[in-house]
Amino acid sequence: MKLKTHFPKYYKDSFDTWSGSNSRTPVTFNDVMNEIIWNNRFICIDKTSVYRGDLVNLGIMKVGDLITDNNLILQENPSVQISPEQCFFIMGVVHALPSDW
């Protein structure tokens, strides 16, 4: 687990058990596009998984949500209104994607 939050032992054990049973690695293009960004062990910034509720509220949940018409969402997309700070954070997430994806 790479979350910054400290949990009581019961919850940590529960998360560890769930993570162990959900430990598949994305292989195909569709697997990668459907991979959830937030709290993902493969997508870490400073060795810590990330979560941004404000970006979830904008509908950015999966790797595929960062891409529209084969372009990153950061390139002018009028349907998604993101602030410069959110844009900078998303660039960090894109940079954190595993290179073999």
PDB file of N, CA and C in Angstrom:
ATOM      1  N   MET A   1       0.850  -1.172   0.000  1.00  0.00           N
ATOM      2  CA  MET A   1       0.000   0.000   0.000  1.00  0.00           C
ATOM      3  C   MET A   1       0.893   1.232   0.000  1.00  0.00           C
ATOM      4  N   LYS A   2       0.550   2.224  -0.810  1.00  0.00           N
ATOM      5  CA  LYS A   2       1.394   3.399  -0.923  1.00  0.00           C
ATOM      6  C   LYS A   2       0.641   4.671  -0.549  1.00  0.00           C
ATOM      7  N   LEU A   3      -0.447   4.553   0.195  1.00  0.00           N
ATOM      8  CA  LEU A   3      -1.186   5.726   0.634  1.00  0.00           C
ATOM      9  C   LEU A   3      -0.431   6.400   1.777  1.00  0.00           C
ATOM     10  N   LYS A   4      -0.526   7.714   1.871  1.00  0.00           N
ATOM     11  CA  LYS A   4       0.137   8.433   2.948  1.00  0.00           C
ATOM     12  C   LYS A   4      -0.595   8.252   4.272  1.00  0.00           C
ATOM     13  N   THR A   5      -1.881   7.982   4.212  1.00  0.00           N
ATOM     14  CA  THR A   5      -2.709   7.903   5.401  1.00  0.00           C
ATOM     15  C   THR A   5      -2.350   6.685   6.237  1.00  0.00           C
ATOM     16  N   HIS A   6      -2.331   6.859   7.544  1.00  0.00           N
ATOM     17  CA  HIS A   6      -2.085   5.745   8.461  1.00  0.00           C
ATOM     18  C   HIS A   6      -3.431   5.221   8.939  1.00  0.00           C
ATOM     19  N   PHE A   7      -3.634   3.929   8.815  1.00  0.00           N
ATOM     20  CA  PHE A   7      -4.885   3.300   9.183  1.00  0.00           C
ATOM     21  C   PHE A   7      -4.671   2.377  10.371  1.00  0.00           C
ATOM     22  N   PRO A   8      -5.741   2.129  11.141  1.00  0.00           N
ATOM     23  CA  PRO A   8      -5.643   1.087  12.171  1.00  0.00           C
ATOM     24  C   PRO A   8      -5.322  -0.256  11.508  1.00  0.00           C
ATOM     25  N   LYS A   9      -4.738  -1.164  12.269  1.00  0.00           N
ATOM     26  CA  LYS A   9      -4.276  -2.440  11.744  1.00  0.00           C
ATOM     27  C   LYS A   9      -5.381  -3.190  10.990  1.00  0.00           C
ATOM     28  N   TYR A  10      -6.597  -3.212  11.516  1.00  0.00           N
ATOM     29  CA  TYR A  10      -7.692  -3.930  10.859  1.00  0.00           C
ATOM     30  C   TYR A  10      -7.894  -3.417   9.435  1.00  0.00           C
ATOM     31  N   TYR A  11      -7.946  -2.096   9.256  1.00  0.00           N
ATOM     32  CA  TYR A  11      -8.179  -1.523   7.935  1.00  0.00           C
ATOM     33  C   TYR A  11      -6.987  -1.749   7.012  1.00  0.00           C
ATOM     34  N   LYS A  12      -5.776  -1.631   7.555  1.00  0.00           N
ATOM     35  CA  LYS A  12      -4.592  -1.901   6.745  1.00  0.00           C
ATOM     36  C   LYS A  12      -4.595  -3.349   6.263  1.00  0.00           C
ATOM     37  N   ASP A  13      -4.919  -4.286   7.156  1.00  0.00           N
ATOM     38  CA  ASP A  13      -4.995  -5.699   6.769  1.00  0.00           C
ATOM     39  C   ASP A  13      -6.066  -5.915   5.706  1.00  0.00           C
ATOM     40  N   SER A  14      -7.196  -5.236   5.846  1.00  0.00           N
ATOM     41  CA  SER A  14      -8.275  -5.351   4.856  1.00  0.00           C
ATOM     42  C   SER A  14      -7.820  -4.826   3.495  1.00  0.00           C
ATOM     43  N   PHE A  15      -7.166  -3.662   3.481  1.00  0.00           N
ATOM     44  CA  PHE A  15      -6.658  -3.108   2.226  1.00  0.00           C
ATOM     45  C   PHE A  15      -5.621  -4.030   1.599  1.00  0.00           C
ATOM     46  N   ASP A  16      -4.733  -4.563   2.425  1.00  0.00           N
ATOM     47  CA  ASP A  16      -3.696  -5.456   1.913  1.00  0.00           C
ATOM     48  C   ASP A  16      -4.303  -6.713   1.307  1.00  0.00           C
ATOM     49  N   THR A  17      -5.314  -7.257   1.956  1.00  0.00           N
ATOM     50  CA  THR A  17      -5.985  -8.453   1.441  1.00  0.00           C
ATOM     51  C   THR A  17      -6.672  -8.142   0.117  1.00  0.00           C
ATOM     52  N   TRP A  18      -7.384  -7.015   0.059  1.00  0.00           N
ATOM     53  CA  TRP A  18      -8.072  -6.633  -1.176  1.00  0.00           C
ATOM     54  C   TRP A  18      -7.056  -6.386  -2.283  1.00  0.00           C
ATOM     55  N   SER A  19      -5.969  -5.710  -1.966  1.00  0.00           N
ATOM     56  CA  SER A  19      -4.945  -5.429  -2.976  1.00  0.00           C
ATOM     57  C   SER A  19      -4.331  -6.714  -3.513  1.00  0.00           C
ATOM     58  N   GLY A  20      -4.127  -7.674  -2.634  1.00  0.00           N
ATOM     59  CA  GLY A  20      -3.564  -8.947  -3.065  1.00  0.00           C
ATOM     60  C   GLY A  20      -4.471  -9.701  -4.006  1.00  0.00           C
ATOM     61  N   SER A  21      -5.778  -9.608  -3.784  1.00  0.00           N
ATOM     62  CA  SER A  21      -6.722 -10.320  -4.656  1.00  0.00           C
ATOM     63  C   SER A  21      -7.000  -9.539  -5.939  1.00  0.00           C
ATOM     64  N   ASN A  22      -6.684  -8.279  -5.945  1.00  0.00           N
ATOM     65  CA  ASN A  22      -6.920  -7.431  -7.117  1.00  0.00           C
ATOM     66  C   ASN A  22      -5.573  -6.979  -7.687  1.00  0.00           C
ATOM     67  N   SER A  23      -4.674  -7.924  -7.905  1.00  0.00           N
ATOM     68  CA  SER A  23      -3.310  -7.557  -8.273  1.00  0.00           C
ATOM     69  C   SER A  23      -2.986  -7.803  -9.744  1.00  0.00           C
ATOM     70  N   ARG A  24      -3.974  -7.741 -10.592  1.00  0.00           N
ATOM     71  CA  ARG A  24      -3.709  -7.959 -12.012  1.00  0.00           C
ATOM     72  C   ARG A  24      -2.945  -6.768 -12.587  1.00  0.00           C
ATOM     73  N   THR A  25      -2.133  -7.049 -13.576  1.00  0.00           N
ATOM     74  CA  THR A  25      -1.364  -6.025 -14.267  1.00  0.00           C
ATOM     75  C   THR A  25      -2.002  -5.796 -15.634  1.00  0.00           C
ATOM     76  N   PRO A  26      -2.275  -4.538 -15.988  1.00  0.00           N
ATOM     77  CA  PRO A  26      -2.859  -4.282 -17.304  1.00  0.00           C
ATOM     78  C   PRO A  26      -1.908  -4.709 -18.417  1.00  0.00           C
ATOM     79  N   VAL A  27      -2.468  -5.392 -19.423  1.00  0.00           N
ATOM     80  CA  VAL A  27      -1.648  -5.931 -20.504  1.00  0.00           C
ATOM     81  C   VAL A  27      -2.024  -5.305 -21.841  1.00  0.00           C
ATOM     82  N   THR A  28      -3.313  -5.299 -22.145  1.00  0.00           N
ATOM     83  CA  THR A  28      -3.762  -4.802 -23.440  1.00  0.00           C
ATOM     84  C   THR A  28      -4.009  -3.292 -23.395  1.00  0.00           C
ATOM     85  N   PHE A  29      -4.175  -2.715 -24.571  1.00  0.00           N
ATOM     86  CA  PHE A  29      -4.489  -1.291 -24.672  1.00  0.00           C
ATOM     87  C   PHE A  29      -5.756  -0.968 -23.888  1.00  0.00           C
ATOM     88  N   ASN A  30      -6.792  -1.804 -24.041  1.00  0.00           N
ATOM     89  CA  ASN A  30      -8.055  -1.570 -23.324  1.00  0.00           C
ATOM     90  C   ASN A  30      -7.869  -1.681 -21.818  1.00  0.00           C
ATOM     91  N   ASP A  31      -7.026  -2.625 -21.371  1.00  0.00           N
ATOM     92  CA  ASP A  31      -6.736  -2.735 -19.935  1.00  0.00           C
ATOM     93  C   ASP A  31      -6.147  -1.427 -19.415  1.00  0.00           C
ATOM     94  N   VAL A  32      -5.189  -0.883 -20.150  1.00  0.00           N
ATOM     95  CA  VAL A  32      -4.542   0.363 -19.727  1.00  0.00           C
ATOM     96  C   VAL A  32      -5.542   1.511 -19.726  1.00  0.00           C
ATOM     97  N   MET A  33      -6.351   1.635 -20.766  1.00  0.00           N
ATOM     98  CA  MET A  33      -7.319   2.728 -20.847  1.00  0.00           C
ATOM     99  C   MET A  33      -8.373   2.647 -19.744  1.00  0.00           C
ATOM    100  N   ASN A  34      -8.661   1.438 -19.266  1.00  0.00           N
ATOM    101  CA  ASN A  34      -9.662   1.255 -18.206  1.00  0.00           C
ATOM    102  C   ASN A  34      -9.057   1.231 -16.808  1.00  0.00           C
ATOM    103  N   GLU A  35      -7.760   1.425 -16.718  1.00  0.00           N
ATOM    104  CA  GLU A  35      -7.094   1.416 -15.412  1.00  0.00           C
ATOM    105  C   GLU A  35      -7.459   2.686 -14.643  1.00  0.00           C
ATOM    106  N   ILE A  36      -7.934   2.511 -13.419  1.00  0.00           N
ATOM    107  CA  ILE A  36      -8.294   3.655 -12.580  1.00  0.00           C
ATOM    108  C   ILE A  36      -7.016   4.365 -12.139  1.00  0.00           C
ATOM    109  N   ILE A  37      -7.011   5.674 -12.251  1.00  0.00           N
ATOM    110  CA  ILE A  37      -5.828   6.482 -11.943  1.00  0.00           C
ATOM    111  C   ILE A  37      -5.587   6.574 -10.442  1.00  0.00           C
ATOM    112  N   TRP A  38      -6.637   6.818  -9.699  1.00  0.00           N
ATOM    113  CA  TRP A  38      -6.531   7.210  -8.297  1.00  0.00           C
ATOM    114  C   TRP A  38      -6.228   6.025  -7.385  1.00  0.00           C
ATOM    115  N   ASN A  39      -5.274   6.239  -6.477  1.00  0.00           N
ATOM    116  CA  ASN A  39      -4.819   5.222  -5.523  1.00  0.00           C
ATOM    117  C   ASN A  39      -4.369   3.954  -6.233  1.00  0.00           C
ATOM    118  N   ASN A  40      -3.728   4.123  -7.374  1.00  0.00           N
ATOM    119  CA  ASN A  40      -3.259   3.016  -8.190  1.00  0.00           C
ATOM    120  C   ASN A  40      -1.785   2.761  -7.873  1.00  0.00           C
ATOM    121  N   ARG A  41      -1.438   1.519  -7.591  1.00  0.00           N
ATOM    122  CA  ARG A  41      -0.055   1.207  -7.209  1.00  0.00           C
ATOM    123  C   ARG A  41       0.935   1.417  -8.345  1.00  0.00           C
ATOM    124  N   PHE A  42       0.446   1.464  -9.588  1.00  0.00           N
ATOM    125  CA  PHE A  42       1.319   1.671 -10.739  1.00  0.00           C
ATOM    126  C   PHE A  42       1.555   3.156 -11.029  1.00  0.00           C
ATOM    127  N   ILE A  43       0.684   4.018 -10.536  1.00  0.00           N
ATOM    128  CA  ILE A  43       0.745   5.451 -10.844  1.00  0.00           C
ATOM    129  C   ILE A  43       1.054   6.198  -9.548  1.00  0.00           C
ATOM    130  N   CYS A  44       2.317   6.519  -9.357  1.00  0.00           N
ATOM    131  CA  CYS A  44       2.759   7.161  -8.112  1.00  0.00           C
ATOM    132  C   CYS A  44       3.559   8.419  -8.418  1.00  0.00           C
ATOM    133  N   ILE A  45       3.373   9.414  -7.581  1.00  0.00           N
ATOM    134  CA  ILE A  45       4.167  10.638  -7.633  1.00  0.00           C
ATOM    135  C   ILE A  45       4.920  10.700  -6.314  1.00  0.00           C
ATOM    136  N   ASP A  46       6.220  10.826  -6.379  1.00  0.00           N
ATOM    137  CA  ASP A  46       7.082  10.776  -5.189  1.00  0.00           C
ATOM    138  C   ASP A  46       6.837   9.497  -4.398  1.00  0.00           C
ATOM    139  N   LYS A  47       6.706   8.379  -5.106  1.00  0.00           N
ATOM    140  CA  LYS A  47       6.533   7.043  -4.533  1.00  0.00           C
ATOM    141  C   LYS A  47       5.246   6.887  -3.727  1.00  0.00           C
ATOM    142  N   THR A  48       4.267   7.762  -3.984  1.00  0.00           N
ATOM    143  CA  THR A  48       2.993   7.704  -3.283  1.00  0.00           C
ATOM    144  C   THR A  48       1.858   7.732  -4.299  1.00  0.00           C
ATOM    145  N   SER A  49       0.865   6.862  -4.104  1.00  0.00           N
ATOM    146  CA  SER A  49      -0.290   6.892  -4.992  1.00  0.00           C
ATOM    147  C   SER A  49      -1.039   8.204  -4.784  1.00  0.00           C
ATOM    148  N   VAL A  50      -1.801   8.609  -5.767  1.00  0.00           N
ATOM    149  CA  VAL A  50      -2.439   9.926  -5.736  1.00  0.00           C
ATOM    150  C   VAL A  50      -3.955   9.815  -5.830  1.00  0.00           C
ATOM    151  N   TYR A  51      -4.616  10.866  -5.344  1.00  0.00           N
ATOM    152  CA  TYR A  51      -6.074  10.978  -5.453  1.00  0.00           C
ATOM    153  C   TYR A  51      -6.433  12.450  -5.451  1.00  0.00           C
ATOM    154  N   ARG A  52      -7.316  12.841  -6.350  1.00  0.00           N
ATOM    155  CA  ARG A  52      -7.815  14.215  -6.403  1.00  0.00           C
ATOM    156  C   ARG A  52      -9.321  14.182  -6.605  1.00  0.00           C
ATOM    157  N   GLY A  53     -10.065  14.474  -5.557  1.00  0.00           N
ATOM    158  CA  GLY A  53     -11.521  14.476  -5.629  1.00  0.00           C
ATOM    159  C   GLY A  53     -12.067  15.487  -6.617  1.00  0.00           C
ATOM    160  N   ASP A  54     -11.395  16.645  -6.760  1.00  0.00           N
ATOM    161  CA  ASP A  54     -11.871  17.650  -7.698  1.00  0.00           C
ATOM    162  C   ASP A  54     -11.796  17.146  -9.139  1.00  0.00           C
ATOM    163  N   LEU A  55     -10.783  16.341  -9.448  1.00  0.00           N
ATOM    164  CA  LEU A  55     -10.665  15.789 -10.802  1.00  0.00           C
ATOM    165  C   LEU A  55     -11.638  14.633 -11.009  1.00  0.00           C
ATOM    166  N   VAL A  56     -11.900  13.889  -9.947  1.00  0.00           N
ATOM    167  CA  VAL A  56     -12.938  12.841 -10.028  1.00  0.00           C
ATOM    168  C   VAL A  56     -14.280  13.491 -10.334  1.00  0.00           C
ATOM    169  N   ASN A  57     -14.566  14.612  -9.682  1.00  0.00           N
ATOM    170  CA  ASN A  57     -15.829  15.328  -9.923  1.00  0.00           C
ATOM    171  C   ASN A  57     -15.945  15.832 -11.356  1.00  0.00           C
ATOM    172  N   LEU A  58     -14.810  16.019 -12.026  1.00  0.00           N
ATOM    173  CA  LEU A  58     -14.820  16.425 -13.433  1.00  0.00           C
ATOM    174  C   LEU A  58     -14.935  15.222 -14.372  1.00  0.00           C
ATOM    175  N   GLY A  59     -14.991  14.014 -13.787  1.00  0.00           N
ATOM    176  CA  GLY A  59     -15.140  12.812 -14.597  1.00  0.00           C
ATOM    177  C   GLY A  59     -13.827  12.164 -15.002  1.00  0.00           C
ATOM    178  N   ILE A  60     -12.741  12.599 -14.391  1.00  0.00           N
ATOM    179  CA  ILE A  60     -11.439  12.013 -14.711  1.00  0.00           C
ATOM    180  C   ILE A  60     -11.177  10.905 -13.700  1.00  0.00           C
ATOM    181  N   MET A  61     -11.396   9.663 -14.136  1.00  0.00           N
ATOM    182  CA  MET A  61     -11.246   8.502 -13.255  1.00  0.00           C
ATOM    183  C   MET A  61     -10.235   7.500 -13.794  1.00  0.00           C
ATOM    184  N   LYS A  62     -10.242   7.294 -15.099  1.00  0.00           N
ATOM    185  CA  LYS A  62      -9.422   6.256 -15.713  1.00  0.00           C
ATOM    186  C   LYS A  62      -8.401   6.890 -16.649  1.00  0.00           C
ATOM    187  N   VAL A  63      -7.381   6.121 -16.999  1.00  0.00           N
ATOM    188  CA  VAL A  63      -6.354   6.602 -17.923  1.00  0.00           C
ATOM    189  C   VAL A  63      -7.008   7.069 -19.221  1.00  0.00           C
ATOM    190  N   GLY A  64      -7.996   6.346 -19.698  1.00  0.00           N
ATOM    191  CA  GLY A  64      -8.688   6.714 -20.929  1.00  0.00           C
ATOM    192  C   GLY A  64      -9.389   8.059 -20.855  1.00  0.00           C
ATOM    193  N   ASP A  65      -9.720   8.512 -19.645  1.00  0.00           N
ATOM    194  CA  ASP A  65     -10.357   9.828 -19.484  1.00  0.00           C
ATOM    195  C   ASP A  65      -9.387  10.969 -19.748  1.00  0.00           C
ATOM    196  N   LEU A  66      -8.100  10.665 -19.787  1.00  0.00           N
ATOM    197  CA  LEU A  66      -7.094  11.688 -20.070  1.00  0.00           C
ATOM    198  C   LEU A  66      -6.888  11.894 -21.565  1.00  0.00           C
ATOM    199  N   ILE A  67      -7.540  11.072 -22.365  1.00  0.00           N
ATOM    200  CA  ILE A  67      -7.338  11.107 -23.811  1.00  0.00           C
ATOM    201  C   ILE A  67      -8.664  11.343 -24.523  1.00  0.00           C
ATOM    202  N   THR A  68      -8.671  12.300 -25.423  1.00  0.00           N
ATOM    203  CA  THR A  68      -9.848  12.542 -26.261  1.00  0.00           C
ATOM    204  C   THR A  68      -9.367  12.671 -27.696  1.00  0.00           C
ATOM    205  N   ASP A  69      -9.969  11.941 -28.598  1.00  0.00           N
ATOM    206  CA  ASP A  69      -9.582  11.988 -30.014  1.00  0.00           C
ATOM    207  C   ASP A  69      -8.066  11.847 -30.195  1.00  0.00           C
ATOM    208  N   ASN A  70      -7.480  10.895 -29.454  1.00  0.00           N
ATOM    209  CA  ASN A  70      -6.044  10.596 -29.518  1.00  0.00           C
ATOM    210  C   ASN A  70      -5.147  11.743 -29.066  1.00  0.00           C
ATOM    211  N   ASN A  71      -5.699  12.702 -28.331  1.00  0.00           N
ATOM    212  CA  ASN A  71      -4.908  13.795 -27.758  1.00  0.00           C
ATOM    213  C   ASN A  71      -5.104  13.801 -26.252  1.00  0.00           C
ATOM    214  N   LEU A  72      -4.089  14.254 -25.540  1.00  0.00           N
ATOM    215  CA  LEU A  72      -4.265  14.400 -24.103  1.00  0.00           C
ATOM    216  C   LEU A  72      -5.337  15.425 -23.823  1.00  0.00           C
ATOM    217  N   ILE A  73      -6.089  15.218 -22.766  1.00  0.00           N
ATOM    218  CA  ILE A  73      -7.162  16.127 -22.379  1.00  0.00           C
ATOM    219  C   ILE A  73      -6.612  17.531 -22.117  1.00  0.00           C
ATOM    220  N   LEU A  74      -5.320  17.610 -21.814  1.00  0.00           N
ATOM    221  CA  LEU A  74      -4.706  18.898 -21.521  1.00  0.00           C
ATOM    222  C   LEU A  74      -4.661  19.814 -22.738  1.00  0.00           C
ATOM    223  N   GLN A  75      -4.694  19.203 -23.912  1.00  0.00           N
ATOM    224  CA  GLN A  75      -4.720  20.024 -25.117  1.00  0.00           C
ATOM    225  C   GLN A  75      -6.143  20.520 -25.291  1.00  0.00           C
ATOM    226  N   GLU A  76      -6.296  21.716 -25.653  1.00  0.00           N
ATOM    227  CA  GLU A  76      -7.559  22.434 -25.651  1.00  0.00           C
ATOM    228  C   GLU A  76      -8.776  21.553 -25.914  1.00  0.00           C
ATOM    229  N   ASN A  77      -9.520  21.295 -24.858  1.00  0.00           N
ATOM    230  CA  ASN A  77     -10.761  20.541 -24.928  1.00  0.00           C
ATOM    231  C   ASN A  77     -11.817  21.361 -24.194  1.00  0.00           C
ATOM    232  N   PRO A  78     -12.677  22.073 -24.921  1.00  0.00           N
ATOM    233  CA  PRO A  78     -13.630  22.965 -24.277  1.00  0.00           C
ATOM    234  C   PRO A  78     -14.677  22.252 -23.424  1.00  0.00           C
ATOM    235  N   SER A  79     -14.829  20.935 -23.579  1.00  0.00           N
ATOM    236  CA  SER A  79     -15.855  20.244 -22.798  1.00  0.00           C
ATOM    237  C   SER A  79     -15.406  19.980 -21.357  1.00  0.00           C
ATOM    238  N   VAL A  80     -14.119  20.099 -21.070  1.00  0.00           N
ATOM    239  CA  VAL A  80     -13.605  19.889 -19.717  1.00  0.00           C
ATOM    240  C   VAL A  80     -12.926  21.162 -19.259  1.00  0.00           C
ATOM    241  N   GLN A  81     -13.466  21.758 -18.210  1.00  0.00           N
ATOM    242  CA  GLN A  81     -12.910  22.996 -17.675  1.00  0.00           C
ATOM    243  C   GLN A  81     -11.983  22.666 -16.514  1.00  0.00           C
ATOM    244  N   ILE A  82     -10.679  22.767 -16.738  1.00  0.00           N
ATOM    245  CA  ILE A  82      -9.728  22.506 -15.668  1.00  0.00           C
ATOM    246  C   ILE A  82      -8.862  23.739 -15.445  1.00  0.00           C
ATOM    247  N   SER A  83      -8.497  23.941 -14.194  1.00  0.00           N
ATOM    248  CA  SER A  83      -7.677  25.096 -13.834  1.00  0.00           C
ATOM    249  C   SER A  83      -6.223  24.828 -14.216  1.00  0.00           C
ATOM    250  N   PRO A  84      -5.409  25.874 -14.259  1.00  0.00           N
ATOM    251  CA  PRO A  84      -3.982  25.661 -14.533  1.00  0.00           C
ATOM    252  C   PRO A  84      -3.324  24.727 -13.508  1.00  0.00           C
ATOM    253  N   GLU A  85      -3.721  24.826 -12.242  1.00  0.00           N
ATOM    254  CA  GLU A  85      -3.156  23.960 -11.207  1.00  0.00           C
ATOM    255  C   GLU A  85      -3.556  22.507 -11.450  1.00  0.00           C
ATOM    256  N   GLN A  86      -4.814  22.267 -11.815  1.00  0.00           N
ATOM    257  CA  GLN A  86      -5.271  20.916 -12.128  1.00  0.00           C
ATOM    258  C   GLN A  86      -4.540  20.378 -13.361  1.00  0.00           C
ATOM    259  N   CYS A  87      -4.338  21.238 -14.342  1.00  0.00           N
ATOM    260  CA  CYS A  87      -3.618  20.863 -15.559  1.00  0.00           C
ATOM    261  C   CYS A  87      -2.192  20.437 -15.210  1.00  0.00           C
ATOM    262  N   PHE A  88      -1.527  21.189 -14.355  1.00  0.00           N
ATOM    263  CA  PHE A  88      -0.167  20.857 -13.940  1.00  0.00           C
ATOM    264  C   PHE A  88      -0.134  19.509 -13.218  1.00  0.00           C
ATOM    265  N   PHE A  89      -1.131  19.273 -12.345  1.00  0.00           N
ATOM    266  CA  PHE A  89      -1.197  18.013 -11.625  1.00  0.00           C
ATOM    267  C   PHE A  89      -1.409  16.846 -12.589  1.00  0.00           C
ATOM    268  N   ILE A  90      -2.292  17.014 -13.562  1.00  0.00           N
ATOM    269  CA  ILE A  90      -2.550  15.955 -14.551  1.00  0.00           C
ATOM    270  C   ILE A  90      -1.279  15.664 -15.340  1.00  0.00           C
ATOM    271  N   MET A  91      -0.498  16.693 -15.657  1.00  0.00           N
ATOM    272  CA  MET A  91       0.775  16.451 -16.345  1.00  0.00           C
ATOM    273  C   MET A  91       1.676  15.555 -15.499  1.00  0.00           C
ATOM    274  N   GLY A  92       1.655  15.760 -14.173  1.00  0.00           N
ATOM    275  CA  GLY A  92       2.422  14.906 -13.279  1.00  0.00           C
ATOM    276  C   GLY A  92       1.925  13.469 -13.303  1.00  0.00           C
ATOM    277  N   VAL A  93       0.600  13.301 -13.375  1.00  0.00           N
ATOM    278  CA  VAL A  93       0.016  11.959 -13.450  1.00  0.00           C
ATOM    279  C   VAL A  93       0.429  11.285 -14.755  1.00  0.00           C
ATOM    280  N   VAL A  94       0.349  12.018 -15.860  1.00  0.00           N
ATOM    281  CA  VAL A  94       0.738  11.457 -17.158  1.00  0.00           C
ATOM    282  C   VAL A  94       2.207  11.053 -17.130  1.00  0.00           C
ATOM    283  N   HIS A  95       3.033  11.892 -16.537  1.00  0.00           N
ATOM    284  CA  HIS A  95       4.460  11.582 -16.433  1.00  0.00           C
ATOM    285  C   HIS A  95       4.700  10.341 -15.558  1.00  0.00           C
ATOM    286  N   ALA A  96       3.813  10.108 -14.580  1.00  0.00           N
ATOM    287  CA  ALA A  96       3.953   8.978 -13.665  1.00  0.00           C
ATOM    288  C   ALA A  96       3.459   7.658 -14.255  1.00  0.00           C
ATOM    289  N   LEU A  97       2.778   7.693 -15.398  1.00  0.00           N
ATOM    290  CA  LEU A  97       2.306   6.452 -16.005  1.00  0.00           C
ATOM    291  C   LEU A  97       3.492   5.566 -16.348  1.00  0.00           C
ATOM    292  N   PRO A  98       3.396   4.273 -16.080  1.00  0.00           N
ATOM    293  CA  PRO A  98       4.504   3.374 -16.424  1.00  0.00           C
ATOM    294  C   PRO A  98       4.849   3.463 -17.907  1.00  0.00           C
ATOM    295  N   SER A  99       6.130   3.463 -18.211  1.00  0.00           N
ATOM    296  CA  SER A  99       6.580   3.642 -19.591  1.00  0.00           C
ATOM    297  C   SER A  99       6.159   2.501 -20.496  1.00  0.00           C
ATOM    298  N   ASP A 100       5.960   1.303 -19.961  1.00  0.00           N
ATOM    299  CA  ASP A 100       5.558   0.183 -20.813  1.00  0.00           C
ATOM    300  C   ASP A 100       4.063   0.214 -21.159  1.00  0.00           C
ATOM    301  N   TRP A 101       3.327   1.148 -20.598  1.00  0.00           N
ATOM    302  CA  TRP A 101       1.921   1.302 -20.968  1.00  0.00           C
ATOM    303  C   TRP A 101       1.852   2.050 -22.277  1.00  0.00           C
TER     304      TRP A 101
END
